[in-house]
Amino acid sequence: MFLKHKNMKTLIEVLTMPDLYNPFRQEIWGQSHAGEELQEPAFFEKSDLIFPSGESLPSCWLNPHYLEPNTLVNTLSAYQS
C-alpha cells in the first residue's frame, strides 16, 4: 500500500501493514519513492501520512481511544468552535 507524506509530497510504501491499522503504533516502517533511486526504509509518523487522494487516515488507525464516548464529544466540539 502507498500513502503520501503531507510535507514531502512523496509516496511512501508501507512495509509494516499491521502497524498502519494498529492505533497503538504511532509509526510505520516504510520506503519513500522519491527520485529515480529507491530510498532506504525508515520510520514515518502516521500523523504525517495521508492517502494519495488527499484524504486523512481513519481515526481508528490513529487514536486508540476512538470508541470512548468522550472522545467523540470532544472531536465534535472541536469542529463546532
Protein backbone atom coordinates (compact mmCIF):
# COMPACT_ATOMS: atom_id res chain seq x y z
CA MET A 1 0.00 0.00 0.00
CA PHE A 2 1.18 3.52 -0.78
CA LEU A 3 0.46 6.64 1.28
CA LYS A 4 1.54 10.23 0.72
CA HIS A 5 3.73 12.19 3.13
CA LYS A 6 2.00 15.52 3.90
CA ASN A 7 5.12 17.69 3.92
CA MET A 8 7.42 15.94 1.45
CA LYS A 9 4.56 15.21 -1.02
CA THR A 10 6.20 11.88 -1.87
CA LEU A 11 4.72 8.40 -1.92
CA ILE A 12 5.60 6.11 0.98
CA GLU A 13 5.32 2.36 0.52
CA VAL A 14 4.06 0.85 3.78
CA LEU A 15 6.25 -2.12 4.71
CA THR A 16 4.53 -2.97 8.03
CA MET A 17 0.81 -3.14 7.32
CA PRO A 18 -0.20 -4.30 10.84
CA ASP A 19 1.41 -1.15 12.29
CA LEU A 20 -0.64 1.01 9.93
CA TYR A 21 -4.03 -0.04 11.28
CA ASN A 22 -2.87 -0.57 14.89
CA PRO A 23 -3.90 2.63 16.75
CA PHE A 24 -1.33 1.95 19.48
CA ARG A 25 1.54 2.34 16.99
CA GLN A 26 2.49 5.91 16.12
CA GLU A 27 4.94 5.00 13.34
CA ILE A 28 5.11 2.70 10.36
CA TRP A 29 8.15 1.24 8.63
CA GLY A 30 8.11 2.42 5.05
CA GLN A 31 10.12 3.29 1.99
CA SER A 32 9.99 6.64 0.25
CA HIS A 33 9.57 6.61 -3.52
CA ALA A 34 11.17 9.93 -4.43
CA GLY A 35 13.53 10.40 -7.31
CA GLU A 36 14.92 7.68 -9.51
CA GLU A 37 16.60 5.60 -6.82
CA LEU A 38 14.73 3.67 -4.16
CA GLN A 39 15.34 5.18 -0.72
CA GLU A 40 16.36 3.23 2.38
CA PRO A 41 13.46 2.07 4.61
CA ALA A 42 12.73 4.36 7.55
CA PHE A 43 10.13 5.04 10.21
CA PHE A 44 7.38 7.53 9.36
CA GLU A 45 4.93 9.10 11.80
CA LYS A 46 1.38 8.08 10.91
CA SER A 47 0.23 11.64 11.68
CA ASP A 48 2.38 12.82 8.72
CA LEU A 49 0.70 10.46 6.25
CA ILE A 50 -2.46 10.72 4.15
CA PHE A 51 -3.98 8.70 1.33
CA PRO A 52 -2.72 9.64 -2.15
CA SER A 53 -6.18 11.12 -2.83
CA GLY A 54 -5.59 13.64 -0.02
CA GLU A 55 -7.94 12.02 2.49
CA SER A 56 -6.83 11.63 6.11
CA LEU A 57 -6.22 8.23 7.63
CA PRO A 58 -9.19 6.86 9.62
CA SER A 59 -9.34 7.76 13.31
CA CYS A 60 -9.46 4.08 14.23
CA TRP A 61 -5.91 3.74 12.80
CA LEU A 62 -4.57 6.73 14.74
CA ASN A 63 -6.43 7.06 18.05
CA PRO A 64 -6.54 4.10 20.46
CA HIS A 65 -9.44 5.79 22.31
CA TYR A 66 -11.64 6.43 19.28
CA LEU A 67 -14.52 4.33 20.68
CA GLU A 68 -14.67 6.08 24.05
CA PRO A 69 -17.78 8.31 24.33
CA ASN A 70 -15.90 11.42 25.48
CA THR A 71 -13.56 11.20 22.51
CA LEU A 72 -16.47 11.57 20.08
CA VAL A 73 -17.90 14.50 22.03
CA ASN A 74 -14.51 16.24 22.18
CA THR A 75 -13.96 15.70 18.47
CA LEU A 76 -17.38 17.11 17.58
CA SER A 77 -16.98 20.16 19.84
CA ALA A 78 -13.60 20.93 18.28
CA TYR A 79 -15.23 21.12 14.84
CA GLN A 80 -18.04 23.37 16.10
CA SER A 81 -15.69 26.06 17.50
